[in-house]
Amino acid sequence: MAFFKLSQPKGFNHKPIYYDEDKEAHEKMVAKAKRELGIKEEGEEYKPDIKGKFRNSSSANDHEYTFNFRRTAEKKSNRHLIVLVLLLLIVLFFCSKL
């Protein structure tokens, strides 16, 4: 039982009638080859195709770097925590003696 009923947005489900996936893939490959060779077509603007490239990078060094960076940051954080706990214990020890 809800006090406020929120309406759900209507979905968009457009299915193209004439769509050739192979033709589109072929056109992308041809355009990529032309860009790599430096051939420009008139009226064509460059659109980088970097979607998912950062996540799917093939370089293992990138993953090692982020792992090492994270590990050193965790070690540093743990050291700071231990030092703070020790200082707190020392202060409590001297306060209890008074």
N, C-alpha and C. Protein backbone atom coordinates (compact mmCIF):
# COMPACT_ATOMS: atom_id res chain seq x y z
N MET A 1 0.85 -1.17 0.00
CA MET A 1 0.00 0.00 0.00
C MET A 1 0.90 1.23 0.00
N ALA A 2 0.87 1.96 -1.07
CA ALA A 2 1.72 3.13 -1.22
C ALA A 2 0.87 4.39 -1.20
N PHE A 3 1.42 5.43 -0.59
CA PHE A 3 0.70 6.70 -0.55
C PHE A 3 0.80 7.43 -1.89
N PHE A 4 1.97 7.32 -2.48
CA PHE A 4 2.19 7.99 -3.77
C PHE A 4 2.50 6.93 -4.81
N LYS A 5 1.76 6.97 -5.88
CA LYS A 5 2.02 6.03 -6.97
C LYS A 5 2.77 6.77 -8.06
N LEU A 6 4.01 6.36 -8.28
CA LEU A 6 4.82 6.98 -9.31
C LEU A 6 4.62 6.23 -10.62
N SER A 7 4.34 6.97 -11.65
CA SER A 7 4.14 6.32 -12.94
C SER A 7 5.49 5.96 -13.55
N GLN A 8 5.50 4.84 -14.22
CA GLN A 8 6.73 4.38 -14.87
C GLN A 8 6.84 5.01 -16.25
N PRO A 9 8.07 5.35 -16.67
CA PRO A 9 8.22 5.92 -18.01
C PRO A 9 7.93 4.87 -19.07
N LYS A 10 7.39 5.33 -20.17
CA LYS A 10 7.08 4.41 -21.26
C LYS A 10 8.36 4.06 -21.99
N GLY A 11 8.48 2.82 -22.34
CA GLY A 11 9.68 2.36 -23.02
C GLY A 11 9.64 2.67 -24.51
N PHE A 12 10.80 2.73 -25.10
CA PHE A 12 10.93 2.96 -26.53
C PHE A 12 11.46 1.69 -27.13
N ASN A 13 10.67 1.04 -27.94
CA ASN A 13 11.06 -0.24 -28.51
C ASN A 13 10.87 -0.18 -30.02
N HIS A 14 11.80 0.49 -30.69
CA HIS A 14 11.73 0.63 -32.14
C HIS A 14 12.56 -0.45 -32.80
N LYS A 15 11.96 -1.21 -33.65
CA LYS A 15 12.67 -2.25 -34.39
C LYS A 15 12.70 -1.84 -35.86
N PRO A 16 13.87 -1.55 -36.39
CA PRO A 16 13.93 -1.11 -37.79
C PRO A 16 13.51 -2.23 -38.74
N ILE A 17 12.85 -1.83 -39.78
CA ILE A 17 12.36 -2.81 -40.76
C ILE A 17 13.51 -3.27 -41.65
N TYR A 18 14.27 -2.32 -42.16
CA TYR A 18 15.37 -2.63 -43.07
C TYR A 18 16.69 -2.38 -42.36
N TYR A 19 17.29 -3.42 -41.84
CA TYR A 19 18.55 -3.29 -41.11
C TYR A 19 19.45 -4.46 -41.48
N ASP A 20 20.63 -4.14 -41.96
CA ASP A 20 21.59 -5.17 -42.36
C ASP A 20 22.83 -5.02 -41.47
N GLU A 21 22.95 -5.88 -40.50
CA GLU A 21 24.06 -5.80 -39.55
C GLU A 21 25.40 -6.02 -40.22
N ASP A 22 25.46 -6.94 -41.17
CA ASP A 22 26.72 -7.21 -41.87
C ASP A 22 27.16 -6.00 -42.69
N LYS A 23 26.21 -5.32 -43.32
CA LYS A 23 26.54 -4.15 -44.12
C LYS A 23 27.08 -3.04 -43.22
N GLU A 24 26.47 -2.85 -42.06
CA GLU A 24 26.94 -1.81 -41.15
C GLU A 24 28.34 -2.13 -40.63
N ALA A 25 28.60 -3.38 -40.30
CA ALA A 25 29.93 -3.77 -39.84
C ALA A 25 30.96 -3.57 -40.95
N HIS A 26 30.59 -3.89 -42.18
CA HIS A 26 31.48 -3.70 -43.32
C HIS A 26 31.78 -2.22 -43.52
N GLU A 27 30.77 -1.38 -43.42
CA GLU A 27 30.98 0.06 -43.58
C GLU A 27 31.88 0.62 -42.49
N LYS A 28 31.74 0.14 -41.27
CA LYS A 28 32.62 0.59 -40.18
C LYS A 28 34.06 0.17 -40.44
N MET A 29 34.26 -1.05 -40.92
CA MET A 29 35.62 -1.52 -41.21
C MET A 29 36.25 -0.70 -42.33
N VAL A 30 35.47 -0.40 -43.37
CA VAL A 30 35.99 0.39 -44.49
C VAL A 30 36.33 1.80 -44.02
N ALA A 31 35.46 2.41 -43.21
CA ALA A 31 35.71 3.75 -42.71
C ALA A 31 36.94 3.77 -41.81
N LYS A 32 37.11 2.74 -40.98
CA LYS A 32 38.28 2.67 -40.10
C LYS A 32 39.56 2.54 -40.91
N ALA A 33 39.52 1.71 -41.95
CA ALA A 33 40.69 1.54 -42.81
C ALA A 33 41.03 2.84 -43.53
N LYS A 34 40.02 3.56 -43.98
CA LYS A 34 40.26 4.84 -44.65
C LYS A 34 40.87 5.86 -43.68
N ARG A 35 40.38 5.87 -42.42
CA ARG A 35 40.94 6.79 -41.43
C ARG A 35 42.40 6.45 -41.16
N GLU A 36 42.71 5.14 -41.04
CA GLU A 36 44.09 4.75 -40.76
C GLU A 36 45.02 5.09 -41.92
N LEU A 37 44.50 5.03 -43.13
CA LEU A 37 45.32 5.37 -44.30
C LEU A 37 45.36 6.87 -44.55
N GLY A 38 44.51 7.62 -43.88
CA GLY A 38 44.50 9.07 -44.03
C GLY A 38 43.60 9.55 -45.14
N ILE A 39 42.76 8.72 -45.65
CA ILE A 39 41.83 9.11 -46.70
C ILE A 39 40.58 9.70 -46.05
N LYS A 40 40.25 10.94 -46.44
CA LYS A 40 39.08 11.58 -45.86
C LYS A 40 38.02 11.75 -46.93
N GLU A 41 36.81 11.49 -46.57
CA GLU A 41 35.70 11.72 -47.47
C GLU A 41 35.13 13.10 -47.18
N GLU A 42 34.54 13.70 -48.19
CA GLU A 42 33.98 15.04 -48.01
C GLU A 42 32.76 14.98 -47.09
N GLY A 43 32.68 15.94 -46.19
CA GLY A 43 31.54 16.04 -45.30
C GLY A 43 31.55 15.03 -44.17
N GLU A 44 32.63 14.29 -44.03
CA GLU A 44 32.69 13.29 -42.97
C GLU A 44 33.39 13.89 -41.75
N GLU A 45 32.78 13.78 -40.60
CA GLU A 45 33.43 14.26 -39.39
C GLU A 45 33.88 13.06 -38.57
N TYR A 46 34.96 13.24 -37.87
CA TYR A 46 35.57 12.14 -37.11
C TYR A 46 34.79 11.91 -35.82
N LYS A 47 34.40 10.67 -35.60
CA LYS A 47 33.74 10.26 -34.35
C LYS A 47 34.56 9.14 -33.75
N PRO A 48 35.22 9.40 -32.62
CA PRO A 48 36.05 8.34 -32.04
C PRO A 48 35.20 7.18 -31.54
N ASP A 49 35.72 5.99 -31.72
CA ASP A 49 35.01 4.79 -31.30
C ASP A 49 35.73 4.22 -30.08
N ILE A 50 35.56 4.91 -28.93
CA ILE A 50 36.28 4.50 -27.73
C ILE A 50 35.38 3.86 -26.70
N LYS A 51 34.18 3.55 -27.06
CA LYS A 51 33.23 2.99 -26.10
C LYS A 51 33.76 1.66 -25.55
N GLY A 52 34.02 1.62 -24.27
CA GLY A 52 34.48 0.40 -23.62
C GLY A 52 35.97 0.13 -23.77
N LYS A 53 36.72 1.03 -24.38
CA LYS A 53 38.15 0.79 -24.60
C LYS A 53 38.92 0.84 -23.28
N PHE A 54 38.54 1.71 -22.36
CA PHE A 54 39.26 1.80 -21.11
C PHE A 54 39.05 0.55 -20.26
N ARG A 55 37.85 0.05 -20.27
CA ARG A 55 37.53 -1.11 -19.47
C ARG A 55 38.15 -2.38 -20.07
N ASN A 56 38.20 -2.45 -21.38
CA ASN A 56 38.68 -3.65 -22.06
C ASN A 56 40.09 -3.49 -22.60
N SER A 57 40.92 -2.69 -21.94
CA SER A 57 42.27 -2.49 -22.46
C SER A 57 43.04 -3.80 -22.38
N SER A 58 43.86 -4.02 -23.39
CA SER A 58 44.58 -5.29 -23.46
C SER A 58 45.92 -5.22 -22.74
N SER A 59 46.29 -4.05 -22.27
CA SER A 59 47.58 -3.89 -21.61
C SER A 59 47.51 -4.39 -20.18
N ALA A 60 48.35 -5.34 -19.85
CA ALA A 60 48.38 -5.88 -18.49
C ALA A 60 49.03 -4.89 -17.55
N ASN A 61 49.89 -4.02 -18.07
CA ASN A 61 50.56 -3.04 -17.22
C ASN A 61 49.58 -2.07 -16.59
N ASP A 62 48.53 -1.72 -17.31
CA ASP A 62 47.53 -0.82 -16.76
C ASP A 62 46.88 -1.42 -15.53
N HIS A 63 46.55 -2.72 -15.61
CA HIS A 63 45.92 -3.38 -14.48
C HIS A 63 46.90 -3.52 -13.32
N GLU A 64 48.15 -3.81 -13.61
CA GLU A 64 49.15 -3.93 -12.55
C GLU A 64 49.35 -2.59 -11.86
N TYR A 65 49.38 -1.51 -12.64
CA TYR A 65 49.59 -0.19 -12.06
C TYR A 65 48.47 0.16 -11.10
N THR A 66 47.22 -0.04 -11.53
CA THR A 66 46.10 0.30 -10.65
C THR A 66 46.08 -0.61 -9.43
N PHE A 67 46.43 -1.88 -9.61
CA PHE A 67 46.47 -2.80 -8.47
C PHE A 67 47.55 -2.36 -7.48
N ASN A 68 48.75 -2.04 -7.99
CA ASN A 68 49.84 -1.62 -7.10
C ASN A 68 49.50 -0.30 -6.42
N PHE A 69 48.89 0.62 -7.14
CA PHE A 69 48.52 1.89 -6.56
C PHE A 69 47.52 1.70 -5.43
N ARG A 70 46.54 0.85 -5.67
CA ARG A 70 45.52 0.58 -4.66
C ARG A 70 46.13 -0.10 -3.44
N ARG A 71 47.04 -1.06 -3.69
CA ARG A 71 47.65 -1.79 -2.59
C ARG A 71 48.51 -0.86 -1.73
N THR A 72 49.30 0.03 -2.36
CA THR A 72 50.12 0.95 -1.58
C THR A 72 49.24 1.93 -0.80
N ALA A 73 48.14 2.36 -1.39
CA ALA A 73 47.24 3.26 -0.69
C ALA A 73 46.62 2.58 0.52
N GLU A 74 46.27 1.29 0.38
CA GLU A 74 45.70 0.56 1.50
C GLU A 74 46.73 0.38 2.61
N LYS A 75 47.98 0.07 2.24
CA LYS A 75 49.03 -0.08 3.25
C LYS A 75 49.24 1.23 4.01
N LYS A 76 49.26 2.33 3.26
CA LYS A 76 49.46 3.63 3.88
C LYS A 76 48.31 3.95 4.84
N SER A 77 47.11 3.65 4.41
CA SER A 77 45.94 3.89 5.24
C SER A 77 45.98 3.04 6.51
N ASN A 78 46.39 1.78 6.37
CA ASN A 78 46.49 0.90 7.53
C ASN A 78 47.54 1.39 8.50
N ARG A 79 48.66 1.87 8.00
CA ARG A 79 49.71 2.41 8.89
C ARG A 79 49.19 3.60 9.67
N HIS A 80 48.48 4.51 8.98
CA HIS A 80 47.93 5.68 9.67
C HIS A 80 46.95 5.26 10.76
N LEU A 81 46.15 4.27 10.49
CA LEU A 81 45.18 3.79 11.47
C LEU A 81 45.89 3.21 12.68
N ILE A 82 46.91 2.42 12.46
CA ILE A 82 47.66 1.81 13.58
C ILE A 82 48.33 2.89 14.42
N VAL A 83 48.93 3.89 13.78
CA VAL A 83 49.57 4.98 14.52
C VAL A 83 48.55 5.74 15.36
N LEU A 84 47.39 6.01 14.79
CA LEU A 84 46.36 6.74 15.53
C LEU A 84 45.85 5.93 16.73
N VAL A 85 45.68 4.63 16.55
CA VAL A 85 45.23 3.79 17.65
C VAL A 85 46.29 3.76 18.75
N LEU A 86 47.55 3.63 18.38
CA LEU A 86 48.63 3.63 19.38
C LEU A 86 48.68 4.95 20.14
N LEU A 87 48.55 6.07 19.43
CA LEU A 87 48.55 7.37 20.10
C LEU A 87 47.36 7.49 21.05
N LEU A 88 46.22 7.01 20.65
CA LEU A 88 45.04 7.05 21.50
C LEU A 88 45.25 6.19 22.75
N LEU A 89 45.85 5.02 22.60
CA LEU A 89 46.12 4.17 23.75
C LEU A 89 47.11 4.82 24.71
N ILE A 90 48.13 5.47 24.18
CA ILE A 90 49.12 6.15 25.02
C ILE A 90 48.46 7.28 25.79
N VAL A 91 47.62 8.06 25.12
CA VAL A 91 46.93 9.18 25.79
C VAL A 91 46.00 8.63 26.87
N LEU A 92 45.29 7.57 26.60
CA LEU A 92 44.40 6.99 27.60
C LEU A 92 45.19 6.42 28.77
N PHE A 93 46.34 5.85 28.52
CA PHE A 93 47.18 5.30 29.58
C PHE A 93 47.64 6.41 30.54
N PHE A 94 48.11 7.53 29.95
CA PHE A 94 48.56 8.64 30.80
C PHE A 94 47.41 9.34 31.51
N CYS A 95 46.25 9.37 30.90
CA CYS A 95 45.09 9.99 31.54
C CYS A 95 44.60 9.11 32.72
N SER A 96 44.73 7.82 32.60
CA SER A 96 44.30 6.95 33.69
C SER A 96 45.26 7.01 34.87
N LYS A 97 46.53 7.36 34.65
CA LYS A 97 47.50 7.49 35.74
C LYS A 97 47.24 8.73 36.57
N LEU A 98 46.64 9.74 35.96
CA LEU A 98 46.40 10.98 36.71
C LEU A 98 45.28 10.74 37.64
